[in-house]
Every structure is written in C-alpha cells, then in structure tokens.
Amino acid sequence: MAIDASPLTLTVYSRAYCHLCDELLEALEGLQHAVPFTVEVVDIDADPGLERSHGDRVPVLVHDGNELCHGRIDRDRVTAYLAQFR
C-alpha cells in the first residue's frame, strides 16, 4: 500500500481587513505543534464566485472539502480532526 507523503494543507477562505480571519490564522499557528500542516489562505474578494458563495461568512476553515469551522475557530473540533493525521 502506498503512503501519501503529501503535507496536510488546510484552506482558510478569508478577506483582507478581517479581524476574525487574523484570529483564526493565529490560533492555527498554535495547533501546528501537534500535527504539522500548512495553511493556504484564499482571498474570497479576488474571486467573484467565492465572494458570492461566502459573502460575509468568513473565515471558513476547510480541509479536503470538509468545513471544520467558520467565524471563530472551534478548537475542539479542529484538534479532533487533526488527531486523525498523527
């Protein structure tokens, strides 16, 4: 069986000047010690389709199509989710 060696990447749908987005990104930094992962930040204002679909509902934290949380970080849920990848 082949092992997937690709790094775990979480996506944050965000926008500039969003204090909740900044708080979520800072909280994610604190979780990277348990399970290494990278964060891809997608500015929804750069894509009209994303802006229409997300509107003011940012930040949104997603991995592999699974929404982990939006608005403020759900630390318990994100930690439990990341534990699957230890």
PDB file of N, CA and C in Angstrom:
ATOM      1  N   MET A   1       0.838  -1.173   0.000  1.00  0.00           N
ATOM      2  CA  MET A   1       0.000   0.000   0.000  1.00  0.00           C
ATOM      3  C   MET A   1       0.889   1.243   0.000  1.00  0.00           C
ATOM      4  N   ALA A   2       0.569   2.181  -0.871  1.00  0.00           N
ATOM      5  CA  ALA A   2       1.346   3.419  -0.962  1.00  0.00           C
ATOM      6  C   ALA A   2       0.938   4.367   0.154  1.00  0.00           C
ATOM      7  N   ILE A   3       1.929   5.047   0.708  1.00  0.00           N
ATOM      8  CA  ILE A   3       1.679   6.035   1.760  1.00  0.00           C
ATOM      9  C   ILE A   3       1.668   7.412   1.130  1.00  0.00           C
ATOM     10  N   ASP A   4       0.647   8.180   1.440  1.00  0.00           N
ATOM     11  CA  ASP A   4       0.546   9.544   0.934  1.00  0.00           C
ATOM     12  C   ASP A   4       1.462  10.435   1.757  1.00  0.00           C
ATOM     13  N   ALA A   5       2.550  10.883   1.124  1.00  0.00           N
ATOM     14  CA  ALA A   5       3.530  11.698   1.840  1.00  0.00           C
ATOM     15  C   ALA A   5       3.280  13.196   1.660  1.00  0.00           C
ATOM     16  N   SER A   6       2.192  13.547   0.989  1.00  0.00           N
ATOM     17  CA  SER A   6       1.926  14.962   0.779  1.00  0.00           C
ATOM     18  C   SER A   6       1.565  15.618   2.110  1.00  0.00           C
ATOM     19  N   PRO A   7       2.014  16.853   2.282  1.00  0.00           N
ATOM     20  CA  PRO A   7       1.732  17.536   3.549  1.00  0.00           C
ATOM     21  C   PRO A   7       0.246  17.861   3.676  1.00  0.00           C
ATOM     22  N   LEU A   8      -0.214  17.887   4.892  1.00  0.00           N
ATOM     23  CA  LEU A   8      -1.589  18.251   5.196  1.00  0.00           C
ATOM     24  C   LEU A   8      -1.736  19.755   4.983  1.00  0.00           C
ATOM     25  N   THR A   9      -2.715  20.137   4.174  1.00  0.00           N
ATOM     26  CA  THR A   9      -2.946  21.554   3.904  1.00  0.00           C
ATOM     27  C   THR A   9      -4.381  21.907   4.259  1.00  0.00           C
ATOM     28  N   LEU A  10      -4.531  22.875   5.141  1.00  0.00           N
ATOM     29  CA  LEU A  10      -5.840  23.407   5.494  1.00  0.00           C
ATOM     30  C   LEU A  10      -6.041  24.701   4.706  1.00  0.00           C
ATOM     31  N   THR A  11      -7.256  24.931   4.258  1.00  0.00           N
ATOM     32  CA  THR A  11      -7.570  26.137   3.488  1.00  0.00           C
ATOM     33  C   THR A  11      -8.433  27.059   4.338  1.00  0.00           C
ATOM     34  N   VAL A  12      -8.058  28.324   4.345  1.00  0.00           N
ATOM     35  CA  VAL A  12      -8.839  29.349   5.034  1.00  0.00           C
ATOM     36  C   VAL A  12      -9.359  30.318   3.978  1.00  0.00           C
ATOM     37  N   TYR A  13     -10.692  30.353   3.831  1.00  0.00           N
ATOM     38  CA  TYR A  13     -11.311  31.357   2.971  1.00  0.00           C
ATOM     39  C   TYR A  13     -11.427  32.616   3.807  1.00  0.00           C
ATOM     40  N   SER A  14     -10.848  33.697   3.294  1.00  0.00           N
ATOM     41  CA  SER A  14     -10.620  34.885   4.097  1.00  0.00           C
ATOM     42  C   SER A  14     -10.847  36.126   3.250  1.00  0.00           C
ATOM     43  N   ARG A  15     -10.658  37.259   3.875  1.00  0.00           N
ATOM     44  CA  ARG A  15     -10.634  38.528   3.149  1.00  0.00           C
ATOM     45  C   ARG A  15      -9.744  39.490   3.934  1.00  0.00           C
ATOM     46  N   ALA A  16      -9.261  40.491   3.233  1.00  0.00           N
ATOM     47  CA  ALA A  16      -8.398  41.494   3.866  1.00  0.00           C
ATOM     48  C   ALA A  16      -9.190  42.264   4.918  1.00  0.00           C
ATOM     49  N   TYR A  17      -8.503  42.735   5.909  1.00  0.00           N
ATOM     50  CA  TYR A  17      -9.080  43.556   6.976  1.00  0.00           C
ATOM     51  C   TYR A  17     -10.174  42.839   7.755  1.00  0.00           C
ATOM     52  N   CYS A  18      -9.968  41.544   7.962  1.00  0.00           N
ATOM     53  CA  CYS A  18     -10.945  40.730   8.696  1.00  0.00           C
ATOM     54  C   CYS A  18     -10.284  40.282   9.997  1.00  0.00           C
ATOM     55  N   HIS A  19     -10.695  40.871  11.119  1.00  0.00           N
ATOM     56  CA  HIS A  19     -10.056  40.529  12.390  1.00  0.00           C
ATOM     57  C   HIS A  19     -10.335  39.086  12.790  1.00  0.00           C
ATOM     58  N   LEU A  20     -11.495  38.548  12.445  1.00  0.00           N
ATOM     59  CA  LEU A  20     -11.762  37.137  12.751  1.00  0.00           C
ATOM     60  C   LEU A  20     -10.843  36.217  11.947  1.00  0.00           C
ATOM     61  N   CYS A  21     -10.554  36.614  10.720  1.00  0.00           N
ATOM     62  CA  CYS A  21      -9.627  35.837   9.889  1.00  0.00           C
ATOM     63  C   CYS A  21      -8.240  35.833  10.522  1.00  0.00           C
ATOM     64  N   ASP A  22      -7.792  36.990  10.974  1.00  0.00           N
ATOM     65  CA  ASP A  22      -6.479  37.093  11.628  1.00  0.00           C
ATOM     66  C   ASP A  22      -6.440  36.231  12.893  1.00  0.00           C
ATOM     67  N   GLU A  23      -7.525  36.257  13.674  1.00  0.00           N
ATOM     68  CA  GLU A  23      -7.578  35.457  14.901  1.00  0.00           C
ATOM     69  C   GLU A  23      -7.537  33.961  14.594  1.00  0.00           C
ATOM     70  N   LEU A  24      -8.252  33.535  13.556  1.00  0.00           N
ATOM     71  CA  LEU A  24      -8.260  32.122  13.188  1.00  0.00           C
ATOM     72  C   LEU A  24      -6.870  31.679  12.746  1.00  0.00           C
ATOM     73  N   LEU A  25      -6.215  32.485  11.930  1.00  0.00           N
ATOM     74  CA  LEU A  25      -4.866  32.141  11.464  1.00  0.00           C
ATOM     75  C   LEU A  25      -3.884  32.052  12.627  1.00  0.00           C
ATOM     76  N   GLU A  26      -4.001  32.955  13.575  1.00  0.00           N
ATOM     77  CA  GLU A  26      -3.133  32.924  14.754  1.00  0.00           C
ATOM     78  C   GLU A  26      -3.396  31.667  15.584  1.00  0.00           C
ATOM     79  N   ALA A  27      -4.649  31.304  15.750  1.00  0.00           N
ATOM     80  CA  ALA A  27      -4.997  30.100  16.501  1.00  0.00           C
ATOM     81  C   ALA A  27      -4.468  28.847  15.812  1.00  0.00           C
ATOM     82  N   LEU A  28      -4.496  28.823  14.486  1.00  0.00           N
ATOM     83  CA  LEU A  28      -3.978  27.665  13.753  1.00  0.00           C
ATOM     84  C   LEU A  28      -2.483  27.488  13.981  1.00  0.00           C
ATOM     85  N   GLU A  29      -1.761  28.600  14.067  1.00  0.00           N
ATOM     86  CA  GLU A  29      -0.320  28.522  14.344  1.00  0.00           C
ATOM     87  C   GLU A  29      -0.071  27.771  15.643  1.00  0.00           C
ATOM     88  N   GLY A  30      -0.919  27.976  16.628  1.00  0.00           N
ATOM     89  CA  GLY A  30      -0.765  27.319  17.910  1.00  0.00           C
ATOM     90  C   GLY A  30      -1.070  25.829  17.870  1.00  0.00           C
ATOM     91  N   LEU A  31      -1.731  25.368  16.818  1.00  0.00           N
ATOM     92  CA  LEU A  31      -2.071  23.949  16.712  1.00  0.00           C
ATOM     93  C   LEU A  31      -1.075  23.157  15.867  1.00  0.00           C
ATOM     94  N   GLN A  32      -0.158  23.841  15.215  1.00  0.00           N
ATOM     95  CA  GLN A  32       0.759  23.170  14.301  1.00  0.00           C
ATOM     96  C   GLN A  32       1.809  22.310  14.997  1.00  0.00           C
ATOM     97  N   HIS A  33       1.945  22.426  16.307  1.00  0.00           N
ATOM     98  CA  HIS A  33       2.931  21.620  17.015  1.00  0.00           C
ATOM     99  C   HIS A  33       2.502  20.153  17.107  1.00  0.00           C
ATOM    100  N   ALA A  34       1.212  19.899  17.207  1.00  0.00           N
ATOM    101  CA  ALA A  34       0.712  18.530  17.375  1.00  0.00           C
ATOM    102  C   ALA A  34       0.742  17.756  16.065  1.00  0.00           C
ATOM    103  N   VAL A  35       0.269  18.364  15.026  1.00  0.00           N
ATOM    104  CA  VAL A  35       0.253  17.758  13.695  1.00  0.00           C
ATOM    105  C   VAL A  35       0.726  18.824  12.714  1.00  0.00           C
ATOM    106  N   PRO A  36       1.850  18.586  12.054  1.00  0.00           N
ATOM    107  CA  PRO A  36       2.334  19.587  11.099  1.00  0.00           C
ATOM    108  C   PRO A  36       1.355  19.746   9.932  1.00  0.00           C
ATOM    109  N   PHE A  37       1.061  20.976   9.596  1.00  0.00           N
ATOM    110  CA  PHE A  37       0.219  21.256   8.444  1.00  0.00           C
ATOM    111  C   PHE A  37       0.572  22.635   7.904  1.00  0.00           C
ATOM    112  N   THR A  38       0.198  22.853   6.667  1.00  0.00           N
ATOM    113  CA  THR A  38       0.360  24.165   6.067  1.00  0.00           C
ATOM    114  C   THR A  38      -1.024  24.790   5.935  1.00  0.00           C
ATOM    115  N   VAL A  39      -1.026  26.096   5.772  1.00  0.00           N
ATOM    116  CA  VAL A  39      -2.278  26.834   5.636  1.00  0.00           C
ATOM    117  C   VAL A  39      -2.246  27.584   4.315  1.00  0.00           C
ATOM    118  N   GLU A  40      -3.271  27.358   3.517  1.00  0.00           N
ATOM    119  CA  GLU A  40      -3.455  28.098   2.276  1.00  0.00           C
ATOM    120  C   GLU A  40      -4.563  29.119   2.543  1.00  0.00           C
ATOM    121  N   VAL A  41      -4.247  30.384   2.339  1.00  0.00           N
ATOM    122  CA  VAL A  41      -5.232  31.440   2.548  1.00  0.00           C
ATOM    123  C   VAL A  41      -5.755  31.876   1.180  1.00  0.00           C
ATOM    124  N   VAL A  42      -7.073  31.812   1.021  1.00  0.00           N
ATOM    125  CA  VAL A  42      -7.713  32.196  -0.228  1.00  0.00           C
ATOM    126  C   VAL A  42      -8.539  33.449   0.027  1.00  0.00           C
ATOM    127  N   ASP A  43      -8.195  34.527  -0.672  1.00  0.00           N
ATOM    128  CA  ASP A  43      -8.917  35.796  -0.545  1.00  0.00           C
ATOM    129  C   ASP A  43     -10.178  35.701  -1.387  1.00  0.00           C
ATOM    130  N   ILE A  44     -11.332  35.639  -0.742  1.00  0.00           N
ATOM    131  CA  ILE A  44     -12.578  35.467  -1.486  1.00  0.00           C
ATOM    132  C   ILE A  44     -12.905  36.679  -2.347  1.00  0.00           C
ATOM    133  N   ASP A  45     -12.378  37.850  -1.984  1.00  0.00           N
ATOM    134  CA  ASP A  45     -12.666  39.054  -2.765  1.00  0.00           C
ATOM    135  C   ASP A  45     -11.956  39.042  -4.121  1.00  0.00           C
ATOM    136  N   ALA A  46     -10.990  38.150  -4.298  1.00  0.00           N
ATOM    137  CA  ALA A  46     -10.267  38.043  -5.564  1.00  0.00           C
ATOM    138  C   ALA A  46     -11.011  37.157  -6.563  1.00  0.00           C
ATOM    139  N   ASP A  47     -12.077  36.515  -6.115  1.00  0.00           N
ATOM    140  CA  ASP A  47     -12.836  35.603  -6.976  1.00  0.00           C
ATOM    141  C   ASP A  47     -14.324  35.888  -6.793  1.00  0.00           C
ATOM    142  N   PRO A  48     -14.980  36.451  -7.809  1.00  0.00           N
ATOM    143  CA  PRO A  48     -16.398  36.806  -7.667  1.00  0.00           C
ATOM    144  C   PRO A  48     -17.283  35.616  -7.261  1.00  0.00           C
ATOM    145  N   GLY A  49     -16.971  34.424  -7.719  1.00  0.00           N
ATOM    146  CA  GLY A  49     -17.757  33.249  -7.342  1.00  0.00           C
ATOM    147  C   GLY A  49     -17.632  32.938  -5.864  1.00  0.00           C
ATOM    148  N   LEU A  50     -16.412  33.009  -5.343  1.00  0.00           N
ATOM    149  CA  LEU A  50     -16.205  32.774  -3.914  1.00  0.00           C
ATOM    150  C   LEU A  50     -16.839  33.881  -3.083  1.00  0.00           C
ATOM    151  N   GLU A  51     -16.750  35.109  -3.579  1.00  0.00           N
ATOM    152  CA  GLU A  51     -17.337  36.230  -2.842  1.00  0.00           C
ATOM    153  C   GLU A  51     -18.856  36.061  -2.760  1.00  0.00           C
ATOM    154  N   ARG A  52     -19.461  35.610  -3.857  1.00  0.00           N
ATOM    155  CA  ARG A  52     -20.911  35.375  -3.853  1.00  0.00           C
ATOM    156  C   ARG A  52     -21.277  34.229  -2.913  1.00  0.00           C
ATOM    157  N   SER A  53     -20.492  33.158  -2.940  1.00  0.00           N
ATOM    158  CA  SER A  53     -20.857  31.983  -2.133  1.00  0.00           C
ATOM    159  C   SER A  53     -20.571  32.172  -0.646  1.00  0.00           C
ATOM    160  N   HIS A  54     -19.558  32.967  -0.298  1.00  0.00           N
ATOM    161  CA  HIS A  54     -19.212  33.152   1.112  1.00  0.00           C
ATOM    162  C   HIS A  54     -19.747  34.455   1.697  1.00  0.00           C
ATOM    163  N   GLY A  55     -19.801  35.507   0.890  1.00  0.00           N
ATOM    164  CA  GLY A  55     -20.289  36.795   1.387  1.00  0.00           C
ATOM    165  C   GLY A  55     -19.559  37.224   2.641  1.00  0.00           C
ATOM    166  N   ASP A  56     -20.304  37.478   3.712  1.00  0.00           N
ATOM    167  CA  ASP A  56     -19.703  37.887   4.983  1.00  0.00           C
ATOM    168  C   ASP A  56     -19.355  36.690   5.864  1.00  0.00           C
ATOM    169  N   ARG A  57     -19.564  35.492   5.374  1.00  0.00           N
ATOM    170  CA  ARG A  57     -19.324  34.281   6.166  1.00  0.00           C
ATOM    171  C   ARG A  57     -17.850  33.866   6.047  1.00  0.00           C
ATOM    172  N   VAL A  58     -16.995  34.636   6.666  1.00  0.00           N
ATOM    173  CA  VAL A  58     -15.566  34.347   6.709  1.00  0.00           C
ATOM    174  C   VAL A  58     -15.073  34.571   8.124  1.00  0.00           C
ATOM    175  N   PRO A  59     -14.005  33.973   8.525  1.00  0.00           N
ATOM    176  CA  PRO A  59     -13.250  32.979   7.778  1.00  0.00           C
ATOM    177  C   PRO A  59     -13.957  31.624   7.790  1.00  0.00           C
ATOM    178  N   VAL A  60     -13.596  30.807   6.815  1.00  0.00           N
ATOM    179  CA  VAL A  60     -14.076  29.431   6.754  1.00  0.00           C
ATOM    180  C   VAL A  60     -12.833  28.548   6.659  1.00  0.00           C
ATOM    181  N   LEU A  61     -12.731  27.570   7.558  1.00  0.00           N
ATOM    182  CA  LEU A  61     -11.602  26.640   7.575  1.00  0.00           C
ATOM    183  C   LEU A  61     -12.055  25.325   6.968  1.00  0.00           C
ATOM    184  N   VAL A  62     -11.325  24.870   5.950  1.00  0.00           N
ATOM    185  CA  VAL A  62     -11.713  23.688   5.189  1.00  0.00           C
ATOM    186  C   VAL A  62     -10.507  22.778   4.996  1.00  0.00           C
ATOM    187  N   HIS A  63     -10.766  21.482   4.989  1.00  0.00           N
ATOM    188  CA  HIS A  63      -9.757  20.507   4.569  1.00  0.00           C
ATOM    189  C   HIS A  63     -10.446  19.457   3.722  1.00  0.00           C
ATOM    190  N   ASP A  64      -9.936  19.278   2.523  1.00  0.00           N
ATOM    191  CA  ASP A  64     -10.418  18.217   1.640  1.00  0.00           C
ATOM    192  C   ASP A  64     -11.943  18.237   1.496  1.00  0.00           C
ATOM    193  N   GLY A  65     -12.499  19.441   1.352  1.00  0.00           N
ATOM    194  CA  GLY A  65     -13.937  19.589   1.184  1.00  0.00           C
ATOM    195  C   GLY A  65     -14.748  19.566   2.468  1.00  0.00           C
ATOM    196  N   ASN A  66     -14.109  19.339   3.597  1.00  0.00           N
ATOM    197  CA  ASN A  66     -14.794  19.300   4.893  1.00  0.00           C
ATOM    198  C   ASN A  66     -14.658  20.647   5.592  1.00  0.00           C
ATOM    199  N   GLU A  67     -15.776  21.296   5.860  1.00  0.00           N
ATOM    200  CA  GLU A  67     -15.735  22.544   6.624  1.00  0.00           C
ATOM    201  C   GLU A  67     -15.523  22.202   8.088  1.00  0.00           C
ATOM    202  N   LEU A  68     -14.450  22.712   8.650  1.00  0.00           N
ATOM    203  CA  LEU A  68     -14.129  22.446  10.044  1.00  0.00           C
ATOM    204  C   LEU A  68     -14.737  23.492  10.974  1.00  0.00           C
ATOM    205  N   CYS A  69     -14.802  24.732  10.529  1.00  0.00           N
ATOM    206  CA  CYS A  69     -15.429  25.787  11.315  1.00  0.00           C
ATOM    207  C   CYS A  69     -15.505  27.045  10.465  1.00  0.00           C
ATOM    208  N   HIS A  70     -16.276  28.003  10.934  1.00  0.00           N
ATOM    209  CA  HIS A  70     -16.322  29.318  10.303  1.00  0.00           C
ATOM    210  C   HIS A  70     -16.541  30.363  11.400  1.00  0.00           C
ATOM    211  N   GLY A  71     -16.174  31.573  11.068  1.00  0.00           N
ATOM    212  CA  GLY A  71     -16.256  32.645  12.077  1.00  0.00           C
ATOM    213  C   GLY A  71     -15.092  32.525  13.046  1.00  0.00           C
ATOM    214  N   ARG A  72     -15.343  31.983  14.180  1.00  0.00           N
ATOM    215  CA  ARG A  72     -14.275  31.754  15.170  1.00  0.00           C
ATOM    216  C   ARG A  72     -13.857  30.291  15.135  1.00  0.00           C
ATOM    217  N   ILE A  73     -12.628  30.033  15.528  1.00  0.00           N
ATOM    218  CA  ILE A  73     -12.128  28.659  15.496  1.00  0.00           C
ATOM    219  C   ILE A  73     -12.866  27.800  16.527  1.00  0.00           C
ATOM    220  N   ASP A  74     -13.199  26.608  16.102  1.00  0.00           N
ATOM    221  CA  ASP A  74     -13.738  25.589  17.004  1.00  0.00           C
ATOM    222  C   ASP A  74     -12.550  24.694  17.349  1.00  0.00           C
ATOM    223  N   ARG A  75     -11.811  25.109  18.362  1.00  0.00           N
ATOM    224  CA  ARG A  75     -10.550  24.454  18.706  1.00  0.00           C
ATOM    225  C   ARG A  75     -10.728  22.952  18.964  1.00  0.00           C
ATOM    226  N   ASP A  76     -11.786  22.567  19.666  1.00  0.00           N
ATOM    227  CA  ASP A  76     -12.007  21.147  19.959  1.00  0.00           C
ATOM    228  C   ASP A  76     -12.222  20.348  18.680  1.00  0.00           C
ATOM    229  N   ARG A  77     -13.047  20.871  17.795  1.00  0.00           N
ATOM    230  CA  ARG A  77     -13.330  20.152  16.551  1.00  0.00           C
ATOM    231  C   ARG A  77     -12.088  20.069  15.674  1.00  0.00           C
ATOM    232  N   VAL A  78     -11.358  21.165  15.538  1.00  0.00           N
ATOM    233  CA  VAL A  78     -10.157  21.175  14.692  1.00  0.00           C
ATOM    234  C   VAL A  78      -9.094  20.246  15.277  1.00  0.00           C
ATOM    235  N   THR A  79      -8.908  20.276  16.589  1.00  0.00           N
ATOM    236  CA  THR A  79      -7.931  19.393  17.238  1.00  0.00           C
ATOM    237  C   THR A  79      -8.298  17.931  17.029  1.00  0.00           C
ATOM    238  N   ALA A  80      -9.566  17.595  17.198  1.00  0.00           N
ATOM    239  CA  ALA A  80     -10.015  16.215  16.982  1.00  0.00           C
ATOM    240  C   ALA A  80      -9.815  15.803  15.521  1.00  0.00           C
ATOM    241  N   TYR A  81     -10.092  16.704  14.622  1.00  0.00           N
ATOM    242  CA  TYR A  81      -9.913  16.407  13.202  1.00  0.00           C
ATOM    243  C   TYR A  81      -8.438  16.160  12.882  1.00  0.00           C
ATOM    244  N   LEU A  82      -7.573  17.035  13.383  1.00  0.00           N
ATOM    245  CA  LEU A  82      -6.140  16.891  13.124  1.00  0.00           C
ATOM    246  C   LEU A  82      -5.572  15.613  13.743  1.00  0.00           C
ATOM    247  N   ALA A  83      -6.150  15.139  14.845  1.00  0.00           N
ATOM    248  CA  ALA A  83      -5.665  13.923  15.500  1.00  0.00           C
ATOM    249  C   ALA A  83      -5.719  12.718  14.576  1.00  0.00           C
ATOM    250  N   GLN A  84      -6.578  12.754  13.586  1.00  0.00           N
ATOM    251  CA  GLN A  84      -6.662  11.651  12.620  1.00  0.00           C
ATOM    252  C   GLN A  84      -5.391  11.508  11.804  1.00  0.00           C
ATOM    253  N   PHE A  85      -4.591  12.544  11.738  1.00  0.00           N
ATOM    254  CA  PHE A  85      -3.416  12.574  10.869  1.00  0.00           C
ATOM    255  C   PHE A  85      -2.097  12.396  11.605  1.00  0.00           C
ATOM    256  N   ARG A  86      -2.166  12.012  12.862  1.00  0.00           N
ATOM    257  CA  ARG A  86      -0.931  11.789  13.637  1.00  0.00           C
ATOM    258  C   ARG A  86      -0.259  10.532  13.177  1.00  0.00           C
TER     259      ARG A  86
END
